[in-house]
Amino acid sequence: MLYIVPTPVGNLEDMTMRAINVLKKADLILAEDTRTSGVLLQHFDIHTPLMTHHKYNEHETVSSVIKKLKEGMTIALISDAGTPGISDPGFLLSRECSREGVPVQTLPGATAFVPALVSSGLPCDKFVFEGFLPPKKGRQTRIDMIKNERRTVIIYESPRRLAKTLEQLKETLGEDRHVCVSREISKLHEEHVRGTLKEVSEHFNTHEPLGEIVIIVGGQESQKDNNEDDYNKAENDKAKKQDIGNAQDIIMGHGKSKNKYKK
């Protein structure tokens, strides 16, 4: 059995009891960085053996991991922070397990983009996860696609590239598109900066960002949506006027009835 286990993105108290128990009972833990994960395991008194598994070696190690799983070992996969497979190693191993008929269970738990999305104040009923944009080749193409996306868009970014990315988004999407930049999720200095691309871009031009960054971009408001809003507003106004007119007729009718009885 392969267990995919989320680990805290900042606050160690976000570690679940089930995650701790799975890591303690596993025969082997695959870790993105054994030094980083070692600190986490020591904190929770977990002594399971570690093996390095990251994007630079996963293609070479996946076969041996599958072999161990087929032999009956229970293996847990963790990343440095968050849920493996979400902008971290995990997809390749999960896919190969699926192909080879090896059971996979993913525990619910910490990830950066969900709290960033829900805290943004932007629609979260429909959204697109972009992860990290390409650093060079294909970057503008992806941004052009985001321009016409009507759903809320989630982007991961590093602090050193944030100002540049916001500027590129502003140039392509327009300075009035709404955005929220979240950083240091679940940590002491967690922050959410909300506004238009123009306002948020200006903020981070004068305030150096620190920590992991999540950018939440509002979807494009289509002309159809605007027309529907205008139509609904017109219909509501029409209904209100009709209600007022009916009320006035009733009041006038009552007045006439009173005059009739006075005669």
C-alpha atoms as a PDB file:
ATOM      1  CA  MET A   1       0.000   0.000   0.000  1.00  0.00           C
ATOM      2  CA  LEU A   2       1.195   3.484  -0.864  1.00  0.00           C
ATOM      3  CA  TYR A   3       0.025   6.300   1.398  1.00  0.00           C
ATOM      4  CA  ILE A   4       0.341   9.865   0.140  1.00  0.00           C
ATOM      5  CA  VAL A   5       0.589  11.992   3.278  1.00  0.00           C
ATOM      6  CA  PRO A   6       0.221  15.796   3.451  1.00  0.00           C
ATOM      7  CA  THR A   7       2.504  17.643   5.848  1.00  0.00           C
ATOM      8  CA  PRO A   8       2.107  21.166   7.314  1.00  0.00           C
ATOM      9  CA  VAL A   9       2.802  24.149   5.042  1.00  0.00           C
ATOM     10  CA  GLY A  10       3.908  26.190   8.043  1.00  0.00           C
ATOM     11  CA  ASN A  11       2.183  25.445  11.314  1.00  0.00           C
ATOM     12  CA  LEU A  12       3.128  22.072  12.808  1.00  0.00           C
ATOM     13  CA  GLU A  13      -0.247  21.931  14.566  1.00  0.00           C
ATOM     14  CA  ASP A  14      -1.828  21.309  11.149  1.00  0.00           C
ATOM     15  CA  MET A  15      -0.400  17.780  11.170  1.00  0.00           C
ATOM     16  CA  THR A  16      -3.264  15.309  11.584  1.00  0.00           C
ATOM     17  CA  MET A  17      -3.286  12.399  14.021  1.00  0.00           C
ATOM     18  CA  ARG A  18      -3.929   9.997  11.156  1.00  0.00           C
ATOM     19  CA  ALA A  19      -0.896  11.302   9.255  1.00  0.00           C
ATOM     20  CA  ILE A  20       1.309  10.760  12.315  1.00  0.00           C
ATOM     21  CA  ASN A  21       0.007   7.217  12.797  1.00  0.00           C
ATOM     22  CA  VAL A  22       0.507   6.315   9.122  1.00  0.00           C
ATOM     23  CA  LEU A  23       4.083   7.602   9.146  1.00  0.00           C
ATOM     24  CA  LYS A  24       4.847   5.698  12.358  1.00  0.00           C
ATOM     25  CA  LYS A  25       3.443   2.399  11.049  1.00  0.00           C
ATOM     26  CA  ALA A  26       4.913   2.612   7.534  1.00  0.00           C
ATOM     27  CA  ASP A  27       7.905   0.454   6.603  1.00  0.00           C
ATOM     28  CA  LEU A  28       9.497   3.279   4.613  1.00  0.00           C
ATOM     29  CA  ILE A  29       8.945   7.015   4.086  1.00  0.00           C
ATOM     30  CA  LEU A  30       9.785   8.627   0.748  1.00  0.00           C
ATOM     31  CA  ALA A  31      10.833  12.227   1.351  1.00  0.00           C
ATOM     32  CA  GLU A  32      11.544  15.111  -1.001  1.00  0.00           C
ATOM     33  CA  ASP A  33      14.361  16.318   1.287  1.00  0.00           C
ATOM     34  CA  THR A  34      15.353  13.978   4.104  1.00  0.00           C
ATOM     35  CA  ARG A  35      16.883  16.833   6.114  1.00  0.00           C
ATOM     36  CA  THR A  36      13.708  18.917   6.052  1.00  0.00           C
ATOM     37  CA  SER A  37      11.480  15.922   6.719  1.00  0.00           C
ATOM     38  CA  GLY A  38      13.818  14.725   9.449  1.00  0.00           C
ATOM     39  CA  VAL A  39      12.972  17.794  11.528  1.00  0.00           C
ATOM     40  CA  LEU A  40       9.246  17.077  11.160  1.00  0.00           C
ATOM     41  CA  LEU A  41       9.625  13.404  12.035  1.00  0.00           C
ATOM     42  CA  GLN A  42      11.761  14.168  15.057  1.00  0.00           C
ATOM     43  CA  HIS A  43       9.145  16.632  16.331  1.00  0.00           C
ATOM     44  CA  PHE A  44       6.462  13.914  16.253  1.00  0.00           C
ATOM     45  CA  ASP A  45       8.781  11.137  17.495  1.00  0.00           C
ATOM     46  CA  ILE A  46       8.627   9.182  14.237  1.00  0.00           C
ATOM     47  CA  HIS A  47      11.540   6.828  13.585  1.00  0.00           C
ATOM     48  CA  THR A  48      10.555   5.192  10.285  1.00  0.00           C
ATOM     49  CA  PRO A  49      13.461   4.864   7.763  1.00  0.00           C
ATOM     50  CA  LEU A  50      13.689   7.604   5.114  1.00  0.00           C
ATOM     51  CA  MET A  51      14.523   7.395   1.417  1.00  0.00           C
ATOM     52  CA  THR A  52      15.037  10.367  -0.902  1.00  0.00           C
ATOM     53  CA  HIS A  53      12.384  10.779  -3.599  1.00  0.00           C
ATOM     54  CA  HIS A  54      12.311  14.050  -5.542  1.00  0.00           C
ATOM     55  CA  LYS A  55      11.826  15.359  -9.088  1.00  0.00           C
ATOM     56  CA  TYR A  56      15.471  14.795  -9.977  1.00  0.00           C
ATOM     57  CA  ASN A  57      15.539  11.078  -9.151  1.00  0.00           C
ATOM     58  CA  GLU A  58      11.906   9.853  -9.207  1.00  0.00           C
ATOM     59  CA  HIS A  59      12.207   8.415 -12.732  1.00  0.00           C
ATOM     60  CA  GLU A  60      15.119   6.251 -11.549  1.00  0.00           C
ATOM     61  CA  THR A  61      13.622   5.197  -8.196  1.00  0.00           C
ATOM     62  CA  VAL A  62       9.989   4.559  -9.156  1.00  0.00           C
ATOM     63  CA  SER A  63      10.644   0.988 -10.362  1.00  0.00           C
ATOM     64  CA  SER A  64      12.348  -0.052  -7.120  1.00  0.00           C
ATOM     65  CA  VAL A  65       9.559   1.567  -5.073  1.00  0.00           C
ATOM     66  CA  ILE A  66       6.897  -0.313  -7.051  1.00  0.00           C
ATOM     67  CA  LYS A  67       8.842  -3.541  -6.461  1.00  0.00           C
ATOM     68  CA  LYS A  68       8.908  -2.925  -2.702  1.00  0.00           C
ATOM     69  CA  LEU A  69       5.163  -2.193  -2.694  1.00  0.00           C
ATOM     70  CA  LYS A  70       4.396  -5.396  -4.594  1.00  0.00           C
ATOM     71  CA  GLU A  71       6.481  -7.317  -2.056  1.00  0.00           C
ATOM     72  CA  GLY A  72       4.081  -6.135   0.636  1.00  0.00           C
ATOM     73  CA  MET A  73       5.804  -3.083   2.088  1.00  0.00           C
ATOM     74  CA  THR A  74       3.750  -0.158   3.337  1.00  0.00           C
ATOM     75  CA  ILE A  75       5.289   3.054   2.017  1.00  0.00           C
ATOM     76  CA  ALA A  76       4.375   6.666   2.773  1.00  0.00           C
ATOM     77  CA  LEU A  77       5.184   9.547   0.439  1.00  0.00           C
ATOM     78  CA  ILE A  78       5.673  13.049   1.822  1.00  0.00           C
ATOM     79  CA  SER A  79       6.973  16.338   0.408  1.00  0.00           C
ATOM     80  CA  ASP A  80       8.710  19.222   2.159  1.00  0.00           C
ATOM     81  CA  ALA A  81       5.317  20.867   2.783  1.00  0.00           C
ATOM     82  CA  GLY A  82       1.730  20.346   1.679  1.00  0.00           C
ATOM     83  CA  THR A  83       0.261  17.500  -0.348  1.00  0.00           C
ATOM     84  CA  PRO A  84       2.585  15.491  -2.635  1.00  0.00           C
ATOM     85  CA  GLY A  85       1.580  15.754  -6.273  1.00  0.00           C
ATOM     86  CA  ILE A  86       0.408  19.373  -5.948  1.00  0.00           C
ATOM     87  CA  SER A  87       3.392  21.210  -7.476  1.00  0.00           C
ATOM     88  CA  ASP A  88       5.572  18.571  -5.783  1.00  0.00           C
ATOM     89  CA  PRO A  89       6.716  15.027  -6.691  1.00  0.00           C
ATOM     90  CA  GLY A  90       3.941  12.459  -6.424  1.00  0.00           C
ATOM     91  CA  PHE A  91       2.119  12.202  -9.735  1.00  0.00           C
ATOM     92  CA  LEU A  92       4.592   9.821 -11.370  1.00  0.00           C
ATOM     93  CA  LEU A  93       4.540   7.318  -8.499  1.00  0.00           C
ATOM     94  CA  SER A  94       0.768   7.511  -8.163  1.00  0.00           C
ATOM     95  CA  ARG A  95       0.343   6.880 -11.899  1.00  0.00           C
ATOM     96  CA  GLU A  96       2.679   3.886 -11.904  1.00  0.00           C
ATOM     97  CA  CYS A  97       0.926   2.389  -8.877  1.00  0.00           C
ATOM     98  CA  SER A  98      -2.372   2.746 -10.722  1.00  0.00           C
ATOM     99  CA  ARG A  99      -0.927   0.996 -13.780  1.00  0.00           C
ATOM    100  CA  GLU A 100       0.557  -1.817 -11.703  1.00  0.00           C
ATOM    101  CA  GLY A 101      -2.556  -2.361  -9.569  1.00  0.00           C
ATOM    102  CA  VAL A 102      -0.916  -1.165  -6.341  1.00  0.00           C
ATOM    103  CA  PRO A 103      -3.418   0.382  -3.880  1.00  0.00           C
ATOM    104  CA  VAL A 104      -2.980   4.103  -3.203  1.00  0.00           C
ATOM    105  CA  GLN A 105      -4.592   6.143  -0.423  1.00  0.00           C
ATOM    106  CA  THR A 106      -4.168   9.903  -0.136  1.00  0.00           C
ATOM    107  CA  LEU A 107      -4.837  11.425   3.261  1.00  0.00           C
ATOM    108  CA  PRO A 108      -6.702  14.744   3.416  1.00  0.00           C
ATOM    109  CA  GLY A 109      -4.638  17.528   4.892  1.00  0.00           C
ATOM    110  CA  ALA A 110      -2.570  20.645   4.414  1.00  0.00           C
ATOM    111  CA  THR A 111      -2.200  22.466   1.126  1.00  0.00           C
ATOM    112  CA  ALA A 112      -1.526  26.153   0.520  1.00  0.00           C
ATOM    113  CA  PHE A 113      -3.981  27.004  -2.233  1.00  0.00           C
ATOM    114  CA  VAL A 114      -7.259  26.041  -0.494  1.00  0.00           C
ATOM    115  CA  PRO A 115      -6.982  28.491   2.442  1.00  0.00           C
ATOM    116  CA  ALA A 116      -5.625  31.154   0.052  1.00  0.00           C
ATOM    117  CA  LEU A 117      -8.601  30.683  -2.282  1.00  0.00           C
ATOM    118  CA  VAL A 118     -11.236  30.692   0.451  1.00  0.00           C
ATOM    119  CA  SER A 119      -9.682  33.725   2.180  1.00  0.00           C
ATOM    120  CA  SER A 120      -9.363  35.717  -1.057  1.00  0.00           C
ATOM    121  CA  GLY A 121     -12.966  36.867  -1.218  1.00  0.00           C
ATOM    122  CA  LEU A 122     -13.066  35.792  -4.875  1.00  0.00           C
ATOM    123  CA  PRO A 123     -15.481  33.126  -6.164  1.00  0.00           C
ATOM    124  CA  CYS A 124     -14.378  29.641  -5.101  1.00  0.00           C
ATOM    125  CA  ASP A 125     -17.235  27.554  -6.515  1.00  0.00           C
ATOM    126  CA  LYS A 126     -15.308  27.113  -9.786  1.00  0.00           C
ATOM    127  CA  PHE A 127     -11.550  27.530 -10.110  1.00  0.00           C
ATOM    128  CA  VAL A 128      -8.480  26.526 -12.118  1.00  0.00           C
ATOM    129  CA  PHE A 129      -5.167  25.497 -10.553  1.00  0.00           C
ATOM    130  CA  GLU A 130      -2.233  26.660 -12.683  1.00  0.00           C
ATOM    131  CA  GLY A 131       0.540  25.961 -10.186  1.00  0.00           C
ATOM    132  CA  PHE A 132       3.856  27.580 -11.121  1.00  0.00           C
ATOM    133  CA  LEU A 133       3.933  29.367 -14.477  1.00  0.00           C
ATOM    134  CA  PRO A 134       6.802  28.439 -16.817  1.00  0.00           C
ATOM    135  CA  PRO A 135       9.826  30.649 -16.023  1.00  0.00           C
ATOM    136  CA  LYS A 136      10.519  31.435 -19.697  1.00  0.00           C
ATOM    137  CA  LYS A 137       9.263  29.326 -22.619  1.00  0.00           C
ATOM    138  CA  GLY A 138       5.494  29.171 -22.784  1.00  0.00           C
ATOM    139  CA  ARG A 139       4.993  31.673 -19.967  1.00  0.00           C
ATOM    140  CA  GLN A 140       3.206  34.361 -22.017  1.00  0.00           C
ATOM    141  CA  THR A 141       1.045  31.719 -23.690  1.00  0.00           C
ATOM    142  CA  ARG A 142      -0.215  30.566 -20.281  1.00  0.00           C
ATOM    143  CA  ILE A 143      -0.897  34.148 -19.213  1.00  0.00           C
ATOM    144  CA  ASP A 144      -2.817  34.751 -22.443  1.00  0.00           C
ATOM    145  CA  MET A 145      -4.984  31.731 -21.601  1.00  0.00           C
ATOM    146  CA  ILE A 146      -5.658  33.116 -18.122  1.00  0.00           C
ATOM    147  CA  LYS A 147      -6.885  36.378 -19.680  1.00  0.00           C
ATOM    148  CA  ASN A 148     -10.006  34.714 -21.073  1.00  0.00           C
ATOM    149  CA  GLU A 149     -10.576  32.319 -18.165  1.00  0.00           C
ATOM    150  CA  ARG A 150     -13.933  32.992 -16.495  1.00  0.00           C
ATOM    151  CA  ARG A 151     -13.157  30.852 -13.451  1.00  0.00           C
ATOM    152  CA  THR A 152     -10.954  31.947 -10.555  1.00  0.00           C
ATOM    153  CA  VAL A 153      -7.286  31.127 -11.268  1.00  0.00           C
ATOM    154  CA  ILE A 154      -4.710  29.904  -8.727  1.00  0.00           C
ATOM    155  CA  ILE A 155      -1.005  30.517  -9.325  1.00  0.00           C
ATOM    156  CA  TYR A 156       2.004  29.586  -7.178  1.00  0.00           C
ATOM    157  CA  GLU A 157       4.951  31.974  -7.262  1.00  0.00           C
ATOM    158  CA  SER A 158       8.263  32.612  -5.562  1.00  0.00           C
ATOM    159  CA  PRO A 159       8.809  35.900  -3.697  1.00  0.00           C
ATOM    160  CA  ARG A 160      11.607  37.010  -6.036  1.00  0.00           C
ATOM    161  CA  ARG A 161       9.380  36.677  -9.142  1.00  0.00           C
ATOM    162  CA  LEU A 162       6.161  38.040  -7.637  1.00  0.00           C
ATOM    163  CA  ALA A 163       6.536  41.677  -8.746  1.00  0.00           C
ATOM    164  CA  LYS A 164       7.369  40.623 -12.309  1.00  0.00           C
ATOM    165  CA  THR A 165       4.458  38.187 -12.476  1.00  0.00           C
ATOM    166  CA  LEU A 166       1.959  40.764 -11.192  1.00  0.00           C
ATOM    167  CA  GLU A 167       3.228  43.243 -13.774  1.00  0.00           C
ATOM    168  CA  GLN A 168       2.840  40.698 -16.577  1.00  0.00           C
ATOM    169  CA  LEU A 169      -0.668  39.813 -15.420  1.00  0.00           C
ATOM    170  CA  LYS A 170      -1.587  43.498 -15.260  1.00  0.00           C
ATOM    171  CA  GLU A 171      -0.329  44.125 -18.802  1.00  0.00           C
ATOM    172  CA  THR A 172      -2.261  41.164 -20.237  1.00  0.00           C
ATOM    173  CA  LEU A 173      -5.400  40.954 -18.090  1.00  0.00           C
ATOM    174  CA  GLY A 174      -5.849  44.675 -17.464  1.00  0.00           C
ATOM    175  CA  GLU A 175      -5.134  46.695 -14.353  1.00  0.00           C
ATOM    176  CA  ASP A 176      -8.708  46.447 -13.031  1.00  0.00           C
ATOM    177  CA  ARG A 177      -8.810  42.632 -12.725  1.00  0.00           C
ATOM    178  CA  HIS A 178      -9.275  41.635  -9.071  1.00  0.00           C
ATOM    179  CA  VAL A 179      -6.546  39.651  -7.353  1.00  0.00           C
ATOM    180  CA  CYS A 180      -5.455  38.462  -3.930  1.00  0.00           C
ATOM    181  CA  VAL A 181      -1.865  37.631  -3.022  1.00  0.00           C
ATOM    182  CA  SER A 182      -1.511  35.336  -0.011  1.00  0.00           C
ATOM    183  CA  ARG A 183       1.766  34.566   1.694  1.00  0.00           C
ATOM    184  CA  GLU A 184       3.030  32.658   4.722  1.00  0.00           C
ATOM    185  CA  ILE A 185      -0.147  30.545   4.896  1.00  0.00           C
ATOM    186  CA  SER A 186      -0.755  29.208   8.450  1.00  0.00           C
ATOM    187  CA  LYS A 187       2.364  30.959   9.773  1.00  0.00           C
ATOM    188  CA  LEU A 188       2.721  33.800  12.275  1.00  0.00           C
ATOM    189  CA  HIS A 189       2.909  36.529   9.615  1.00  0.00           C
ATOM    190  CA  GLU A 190       0.196  35.222   7.288  1.00  0.00           C
ATOM    191  CA  GLU A 191      -1.007  38.000   4.984  1.00  0.00           C
ATOM    192  CA  HIS A 192      -3.636  38.461   2.256  1.00  0.00           C
ATOM    193  CA  VAL A 193      -3.310  41.538   0.031  1.00  0.00           C
ATOM    194  CA  ARG A 194      -6.497  42.150  -1.969  1.00  0.00           C
ATOM    195  CA  GLY A 195      -7.362  44.660  -4.674  1.00  0.00           C
ATOM    196  CA  THR A 196      -7.001  45.245  -8.390  1.00  0.00           C
ATOM    197  CA  LEU A 197      -3.876  44.127 -10.226  1.00  0.00           C
ATOM    198  CA  LYS A 198      -2.809  47.772 -10.342  1.00  0.00           C
ATOM    199  CA  GLU A 199      -3.214  48.239  -6.571  1.00  0.00           C
ATOM    200  CA  VAL A 200      -1.614  44.943  -5.540  1.00  0.00           C
ATOM    201  CA  SER A 201       1.253  45.351  -8.015  1.00  0.00           C
ATOM    202  CA  GLU A 202       1.998  48.813  -6.614  1.00  0.00           C
ATOM    203  CA  HIS A 203       1.918  47.419  -3.064  1.00  0.00           C
ATOM    204  CA  PHE A 204       4.568  44.782  -3.747  1.00  0.00           C
ATOM    205  CA  ASN A 205       6.738  47.244  -5.637  1.00  0.00           C
ATOM    206  CA  THR A 206       7.235  49.013  -2.300  1.00  0.00           C
ATOM    207  CA  HIS A 207       6.871  46.048   0.108  1.00  0.00           C
ATOM    208  CA  GLU A 208       9.331  43.203  -0.385  1.00  0.00           C
ATOM    209  CA  PRO A 209       7.452  39.880  -0.207  1.00  0.00           C
ATOM    210  CA  LEU A 210       8.697  37.036   1.959  1.00  0.00           C
ATOM    211  CA  GLY A 211       7.658  33.402   2.169  1.00  0.00           C
ATOM    212  CA  GLU A 212       5.699  31.154  -0.166  1.00  0.00           C
ATOM    213  CA  ILE A 213       3.246  32.992  -2.432  1.00  0.00           C
ATOM    214  CA  VAL A 214      -0.207  32.083  -3.756  1.00  0.00           C
ATOM    215  CA  ILE A 215      -1.833  34.412  -6.319  1.00  0.00           C
ATOM    216  CA  ILE A 216      -5.608  34.204  -6.700  1.00  0.00           C
ATOM    217  CA  VAL A 217      -6.874  35.933  -9.861  1.00  0.00           C
ATOM    218  CA  GLY A 218     -10.528  36.708 -10.455  1.00  0.00           C
ATOM    219  CA  GLY A 219     -12.073  35.296 -13.618  1.00  0.00           C
ATOM    220  CA  GLN A 220     -12.948  37.403 -16.631  1.00  0.00           C
ATOM    221  CA  GLU A 221     -16.408  38.935 -16.479  1.00  0.00           C
ATOM    222  CA  SER A 222     -17.891  38.213 -19.891  1.00  0.00           C
ATOM    223  CA  GLN A 223     -20.218  40.540 -21.801  1.00  0.00           C
ATOM    224  CA  LYS A 224     -22.895  37.856 -21.465  1.00  0.00           C
ATOM    225  CA  ASP A 225     -22.607  37.997 -17.677  1.00  0.00           C
ATOM    226  CA  ASN A 226     -22.871  41.787 -17.753  1.00  0.00           C
ATOM    227  CA  ASN A 227     -25.897  41.639 -20.040  1.00  0.00           C
ATOM    228  CA  GLU A 228     -27.574  39.105 -17.766  1.00  0.00           C
ATOM    229  CA  ASP A 229     -26.907  41.319 -14.750  1.00  0.00           C
ATOM    230  CA  ASP A 230     -28.389  44.330 -16.564  1.00  0.00           C
ATOM    231  CA  TYR A 231     -31.429  42.283 -17.625  1.00  0.00           C
ATOM    232  CA  ASN A 232     -32.009  40.971 -14.077  1.00  0.00           C
ATOM    233  CA  LYS A 233     -31.682  44.493 -12.659  1.00  0.00           C
ATOM    234  CA  ALA A 234     -34.180  45.837 -15.208  1.00  0.00           C
ATOM    235  CA  GLU A 235     -36.636  43.046 -14.417  1.00  0.00           C
ATOM    236  CA  ASN A 236     -36.310  43.687 -10.664  1.00  0.00           C
ATOM    237  CA  ASP A 237     -36.884  47.419 -11.169  1.00  0.00           C
ATOM    238  CA  LYS A 238     -39.919  46.654 -13.336  1.00  0.00           C
ATOM    239  CA  ALA A 239     -41.346  44.304 -10.687  1.00  0.00           C
ATOM    240  CA  LYS A 240     -40.814  46.891  -7.946  1.00  0.00           C
ATOM    241  CA  LYS A 241     -42.626  49.562  -9.964  1.00  0.00           C
ATOM    242  CA  GLN A 242     -45.492  47.159 -10.620  1.00  0.00           C
ATOM    243  CA  ASP A 243     -45.742  46.320  -6.902  1.00  0.00           C
ATOM    244  CA  ILE A 244     -45.810  50.027  -6.034  1.00  0.00           C
ATOM    245  CA  GLY A 245     -48.481  50.627  -8.673  1.00  0.00           C
ATOM    246  CA  ASN A 246     -50.619  47.784  -7.335  1.00  0.00           C
ATOM    247  CA  ALA A 247     -50.245  49.091  -3.796  1.00  0.00           C
ATOM    248  CA  GLN A 248     -51.332  52.571  -4.888  1.00  0.00           C
ATOM    249  CA  ASP A 249     -54.407  51.101  -6.650  1.00  0.00           C
ATOM    250  CA  ILE A 250     -55.373  49.243  -3.494  1.00  0.00           C
ATOM    251  CA  ILE A 251     -54.976  52.352  -1.346  1.00  0.00           C
ATOM    252  CA  MET A 252     -57.006  54.461  -3.795  1.00  0.00           C
ATOM    253  CA  GLY A 253     -59.646  51.727  -3.935  1.00  0.00           C
ATOM    254  CA  HIS A 254     -59.971  51.759  -0.164  1.00  0.00           C
ATOM    255  CA  GLY A 255     -60.346  55.541  -0.275  1.00  0.00           C
ATOM    256  CA  LYS A 256     -63.193  55.355  -2.798  1.00  0.00           C
ATOM    257  CA  SER A 257     -64.970  52.723  -0.744  1.00  0.00           C
ATOM    258  CA  LYS A 258     -64.866  54.963   2.342  1.00  0.00           C
ATOM    259  CA  ASN A 259     -66.277  57.884   0.401  1.00  0.00           C
ATOM    260  CA  LYS A 260     -69.109  55.676  -0.893  1.00  0.00           C
ATOM    261  CA  TYR A 261     -70.161  54.674   2.612  1.00  0.00           C
ATOM    262  CA  LYS A 262     -70.028  58.307   3.774  1.00  0.00           C
ATOM    263  CA  LYS A 263     -72.670  59.184   1.219  1.00  0.00           C
END
